[in-house]
Amino acid sequence: MVETETYTIEGPDGDVEEIELPAGLVDVFAEQGEEPTDVVGDIVVQSFAQQAHVVVHHAEGGTPEDLQALNEKMEELFEARFGVSLADAMGHSH
């Protein structure tokens, strides 16, 4: 049986969510010497960036300006963290 490990996310208002992951899974995605919390943070940023991209660029119908602005900011945060644009990381441009 695979053990689990817990990561904790704290929101800006102090709310807390604990996430259980299979022990060792984070290590699969880590580069040598990379802290597990950095890996989890990377995956959170990647996921939000991809989901925002889908909502704005692949949804049917128009996209409200506020969602476009949120997506643009998320793309900036993605590029700041990874040093590459989201479009380049995804292998296409929007």
N, C-alpha and C. Protein backbone atom coordinates (compact mmCIF):
# COMPACT_ATOMS: atom_id res chain seq x y z
N MET A 1 0.84 -1.18 0.00
CA MET A 1 0.00 0.00 0.00
C MET A 1 0.89 1.25 0.00
N VAL A 2 0.53 2.21 -0.82
CA VAL A 2 1.31 3.44 -0.93
C VAL A 2 0.90 4.41 0.17
N GLU A 3 1.89 4.92 0.85
CA GLU A 3 1.64 5.95 1.87
C GLU A 3 1.32 7.27 1.18
N THR A 4 0.84 8.23 1.95
CA THR A 4 0.58 9.57 1.42
C THR A 4 1.39 10.59 2.19
N GLU A 5 1.51 11.76 1.59
CA GLU A 5 2.12 12.90 2.26
C GLU A 5 1.20 14.09 2.06
N THR A 6 1.22 15.00 3.00
CA THR A 6 0.29 16.12 3.02
C THR A 6 1.01 17.42 2.73
N TYR A 7 0.44 18.19 1.82
CA TYR A 7 0.91 19.55 1.54
C TYR A 7 -0.21 20.49 1.94
N THR A 8 0.16 21.63 2.47
CA THR A 8 -0.83 22.58 2.97
C THR A 8 -0.78 23.85 2.14
N ILE A 9 -1.96 24.30 1.73
CA ILE A 9 -2.09 25.56 1.00
C ILE A 9 -2.83 26.52 1.91
N GLU A 10 -2.29 27.72 2.06
CA GLU A 10 -2.94 28.75 2.86
C GLU A 10 -3.32 29.91 1.97
N GLY A 11 -4.59 30.31 2.03
CA GLY A 11 -5.09 31.42 1.23
C GLY A 11 -4.79 32.75 1.87
N PRO A 12 -5.00 33.83 1.12
CA PRO A 12 -4.70 35.18 1.64
C PRO A 12 -5.58 35.57 2.82
N ASP A 13 -6.73 34.90 2.99
CA ASP A 13 -7.61 35.21 4.12
C ASP A 13 -7.38 34.27 5.30
N GLY A 14 -6.35 33.43 5.20
CA GLY A 14 -6.02 32.53 6.29
C GLY A 14 -6.70 31.17 6.22
N ASP A 15 -7.55 30.95 5.20
CA ASP A 15 -8.16 29.64 5.06
C ASP A 15 -7.10 28.65 4.61
N VAL A 16 -7.24 27.40 5.04
CA VAL A 16 -6.21 26.39 4.82
C VAL A 16 -6.85 25.15 4.19
N GLU A 17 -6.15 24.59 3.22
CA GLU A 17 -6.56 23.34 2.58
C GLU A 17 -5.37 22.39 2.63
N GLU A 18 -5.62 21.16 3.05
CA GLU A 18 -4.58 20.15 3.05
C GLU A 18 -4.81 19.23 1.87
N ILE A 19 -3.74 18.95 1.12
CA ILE A 19 -3.80 18.12 -0.07
C ILE A 19 -2.99 16.86 0.19
N GLU A 20 -3.60 15.71 0.04
CA GLU A 20 -2.92 14.43 0.17
C GLU A 20 -2.45 13.98 -1.20
N LEU A 21 -1.19 13.60 -1.29
CA LEU A 21 -0.62 13.06 -2.52
C LEU A 21 0.10 11.76 -2.18
N PRO A 22 0.17 10.83 -3.12
CA PRO A 22 0.94 9.62 -2.86
C PRO A 22 2.40 9.98 -2.57
N ALA A 23 2.94 9.40 -1.52
CA ALA A 23 4.34 9.65 -1.18
C ALA A 23 5.22 9.22 -2.34
N GLY A 24 6.15 10.09 -2.72
CA GLY A 24 7.06 9.81 -3.81
C GLY A 24 6.62 10.36 -5.16
N LEU A 25 5.34 10.71 -5.30
CA LEU A 25 4.87 11.22 -6.58
C LEU A 25 5.53 12.56 -6.91
N VAL A 26 5.64 13.43 -5.94
CA VAL A 26 6.26 14.73 -6.17
C VAL A 26 7.70 14.55 -6.65
N ASP A 27 8.39 13.57 -6.09
CA ASP A 27 9.78 13.30 -6.49
C ASP A 27 9.91 12.93 -7.96
N VAL A 28 8.88 12.33 -8.53
CA VAL A 28 8.89 11.95 -9.94
C VAL A 28 9.06 13.19 -10.82
N PHE A 29 8.50 14.31 -10.38
CA PHE A 29 8.52 15.54 -11.17
C PHE A 29 9.63 16.51 -10.77
N ALA A 30 10.41 16.16 -9.76
CA ALA A 30 11.45 17.05 -9.24
C ALA A 30 12.75 16.88 -10.01
N GLU A 31 13.44 17.99 -10.16
CA GLU A 31 14.80 17.95 -10.68
C GLU A 31 15.72 17.81 -9.47
N GLN A 32 16.93 17.35 -9.71
CA GLN A 32 17.88 17.11 -8.62
C GLN A 32 18.01 18.34 -7.73
N GLY A 33 17.81 18.15 -6.44
CA GLY A 33 17.97 19.22 -5.47
C GLY A 33 16.77 20.13 -5.33
N GLU A 34 15.74 19.93 -6.12
CA GLU A 34 14.55 20.79 -6.05
C GLU A 34 13.70 20.41 -4.85
N GLU A 35 13.26 21.41 -4.13
CA GLU A 35 12.43 21.19 -2.96
C GLU A 35 11.04 20.69 -3.37
N PRO A 36 10.47 19.74 -2.64
CA PRO A 36 9.14 19.24 -2.97
C PRO A 36 8.07 20.34 -3.03
N THR A 37 8.16 21.31 -2.14
CA THR A 37 7.15 22.38 -2.16
C THR A 37 7.26 23.21 -3.43
N ASP A 38 8.47 23.36 -3.97
CA ASP A 38 8.63 24.07 -5.25
C ASP A 38 7.97 23.30 -6.38
N VAL A 39 8.09 21.98 -6.35
CA VAL A 39 7.48 21.15 -7.37
C VAL A 39 5.96 21.28 -7.31
N VAL A 40 5.40 21.20 -6.12
CA VAL A 40 3.96 21.34 -5.96
C VAL A 40 3.52 22.73 -6.42
N GLY A 41 4.28 23.76 -6.06
CA GLY A 41 3.97 25.12 -6.50
C GLY A 41 4.02 25.25 -8.02
N ASP A 42 5.02 24.63 -8.64
CA ASP A 42 5.13 24.66 -10.10
C ASP A 42 3.89 24.06 -10.75
N ILE A 43 3.45 22.93 -10.22
CA ILE A 43 2.29 22.25 -10.80
C ILE A 43 1.02 23.07 -10.59
N VAL A 44 0.90 23.73 -9.47
CA VAL A 44 -0.25 24.60 -9.24
C VAL A 44 -0.26 25.75 -10.26
N VAL A 45 0.88 26.39 -10.46
CA VAL A 45 0.98 27.49 -11.42
C VAL A 45 0.68 26.98 -12.83
N GLN A 46 1.25 25.85 -13.20
CA GLN A 46 0.99 25.27 -14.53
C GLN A 46 -0.49 25.00 -14.72
N SER A 47 -1.11 24.41 -13.73
CA SER A 47 -2.52 24.04 -13.84
C SER A 47 -3.41 25.27 -13.99
N PHE A 48 -3.19 26.27 -13.16
CA PHE A 48 -3.99 27.48 -13.26
C PHE A 48 -3.78 28.18 -14.59
N ALA A 49 -2.53 28.21 -15.06
CA ALA A 49 -2.24 28.85 -16.35
C ALA A 49 -2.93 28.11 -17.49
N GLN A 50 -2.88 26.80 -17.48
CA GLN A 50 -3.53 26.01 -18.53
C GLN A 50 -5.05 26.16 -18.48
N GLN A 51 -5.61 26.12 -17.29
CA GLN A 51 -7.07 26.24 -17.16
C GLN A 51 -7.55 27.63 -17.59
N ALA A 52 -6.82 28.67 -17.20
CA ALA A 52 -7.19 30.03 -17.61
C ALA A 52 -7.10 30.17 -19.13
N HIS A 53 -6.07 29.58 -19.71
CA HIS A 53 -5.90 29.62 -21.17
C HIS A 53 -7.09 28.96 -21.87
N VAL A 54 -7.50 27.81 -21.38
CA VAL A 54 -8.63 27.10 -21.97
C VAL A 54 -9.90 27.93 -21.89
N VAL A 55 -10.16 28.52 -20.73
CA VAL A 55 -11.38 29.32 -20.55
C VAL A 55 -11.41 30.50 -21.52
N VAL A 56 -10.27 31.14 -21.71
CA VAL A 56 -10.22 32.34 -22.54
C VAL A 56 -10.09 32.03 -24.03
N HIS A 57 -9.27 31.05 -24.37
CA HIS A 57 -8.94 30.85 -25.78
C HIS A 57 -9.66 29.69 -26.46
N HIS A 58 -10.27 28.81 -25.70
CA HIS A 58 -10.88 27.64 -26.31
C HIS A 58 -12.36 27.48 -25.96
N ALA A 59 -12.92 28.42 -25.24
CA ALA A 59 -14.34 28.36 -24.90
C ALA A 59 -15.16 28.94 -26.05
N GLU A 60 -16.35 28.43 -26.19
CA GLU A 60 -17.24 28.96 -27.22
C GLU A 60 -17.87 30.26 -26.71
N GLY A 61 -18.08 31.18 -27.63
CA GLY A 61 -18.67 32.45 -27.24
C GLY A 61 -17.60 33.44 -26.81
N GLY A 62 -18.03 34.63 -26.46
CA GLY A 62 -17.11 35.68 -26.05
C GLY A 62 -16.59 35.46 -24.64
N THR A 63 -15.47 36.07 -24.38
CA THR A 63 -14.86 35.99 -23.06
C THR A 63 -14.92 37.37 -22.42
N PRO A 64 -15.47 37.47 -21.22
CA PRO A 64 -15.51 38.76 -20.53
C PRO A 64 -14.10 39.34 -20.35
N GLU A 65 -14.01 40.66 -20.38
CA GLU A 65 -12.71 41.33 -20.25
C GLU A 65 -12.00 40.98 -18.95
N ASP A 66 -12.77 40.81 -17.87
CA ASP A 66 -12.11 40.50 -16.61
C ASP A 66 -11.41 39.13 -16.67
N LEU A 67 -12.01 38.17 -17.37
CA LEU A 67 -11.34 36.87 -17.52
C LEU A 67 -10.11 36.98 -18.41
N GLN A 68 -10.19 37.80 -19.43
CA GLN A 68 -9.03 38.02 -20.29
C GLN A 68 -7.89 38.64 -19.48
N ALA A 69 -8.23 39.60 -18.64
CA ALA A 69 -7.21 40.25 -17.80
C ALA A 69 -6.60 39.25 -16.82
N LEU A 70 -7.44 38.40 -16.22
CA LEU A 70 -6.92 37.38 -15.30
C LEU A 70 -5.98 36.42 -16.02
N ASN A 71 -6.35 36.01 -17.23
CA ASN A 71 -5.52 35.12 -18.02
C ASN A 71 -4.19 35.78 -18.37
N GLU A 72 -4.23 37.04 -18.78
CA GLU A 72 -2.99 37.75 -19.11
C GLU A 72 -2.06 37.81 -17.91
N LYS A 73 -2.62 38.10 -16.73
CA LYS A 73 -1.80 38.15 -15.52
C LYS A 73 -1.23 36.77 -15.19
N MET A 74 -2.05 35.72 -15.37
CA MET A 74 -1.58 34.37 -15.10
C MET A 74 -0.45 34.01 -16.05
N GLU A 75 -0.56 34.42 -17.31
CA GLU A 75 0.51 34.15 -18.28
C GLU A 75 1.79 34.88 -17.87
N GLU A 76 1.67 36.10 -17.35
CA GLU A 76 2.84 36.84 -16.86
C GLU A 76 3.49 36.10 -15.68
N LEU A 77 2.66 35.63 -14.75
CA LEU A 77 3.17 34.91 -13.59
C LEU A 77 3.83 33.60 -14.00
N PHE A 78 3.26 32.93 -14.99
CA PHE A 78 3.84 31.70 -15.51
C PHE A 78 5.22 31.98 -16.09
N GLU A 79 5.31 33.00 -16.93
CA GLU A 79 6.59 33.32 -17.57
C GLU A 79 7.63 33.75 -16.54
N ALA A 80 7.20 34.49 -15.52
CA ALA A 80 8.13 34.92 -14.48
C ALA A 80 8.68 33.72 -13.71
N ARG A 81 7.85 32.72 -13.49
CA ARG A 81 8.28 31.54 -12.72
C ARG A 81 9.15 30.60 -13.54
N PHE A 82 8.79 30.40 -14.84
CA PHE A 82 9.45 29.38 -15.63
C PHE A 82 10.41 29.92 -16.69
N GLY A 83 10.38 31.23 -16.93
CA GLY A 83 11.30 31.82 -17.91
C GLY A 83 10.94 31.52 -19.35
N VAL A 84 9.72 31.10 -19.59
CA VAL A 84 9.24 30.81 -20.94
C VAL A 84 7.76 31.17 -20.98
N SER A 85 7.29 31.62 -22.13
CA SER A 85 5.89 31.97 -22.23
C SER A 85 5.02 30.72 -22.17
N LEU A 86 3.78 30.88 -21.76
CA LEU A 86 2.85 29.76 -21.72
C LEU A 86 2.65 29.21 -23.11
N ALA A 87 2.52 30.09 -24.11
CA ALA A 87 2.32 29.63 -25.49
C ALA A 87 3.49 28.76 -25.94
N ASP A 88 4.71 29.16 -25.64
CA ASP A 88 5.88 28.35 -26.01
C ASP A 88 5.88 27.03 -25.24
N ALA A 89 5.54 27.08 -23.96
CA ALA A 89 5.52 25.86 -23.16
C ALA A 89 4.48 24.87 -23.65
N MET A 90 3.37 25.40 -24.17
CA MET A 90 2.30 24.55 -24.66
C MET A 90 2.51 24.13 -26.11
N GLY A 91 3.51 24.73 -26.75
CA GLY A 91 3.81 24.37 -28.11
C GLY A 91 2.92 25.02 -29.14
N HIS A 92 2.26 26.09 -28.75
CA HIS A 92 1.45 26.86 -29.71
C HIS A 92 1.26 28.27 -29.21
N SER A 93 0.87 29.11 -30.12
CA SER A 93 0.57 30.49 -29.74
C SER A 93 -0.94 30.67 -29.83
N HIS A 94 -1.44 31.65 -29.07
CA HIS A 94 -2.88 31.90 -29.10
C HIS A 94 -3.12 32.92 -30.14
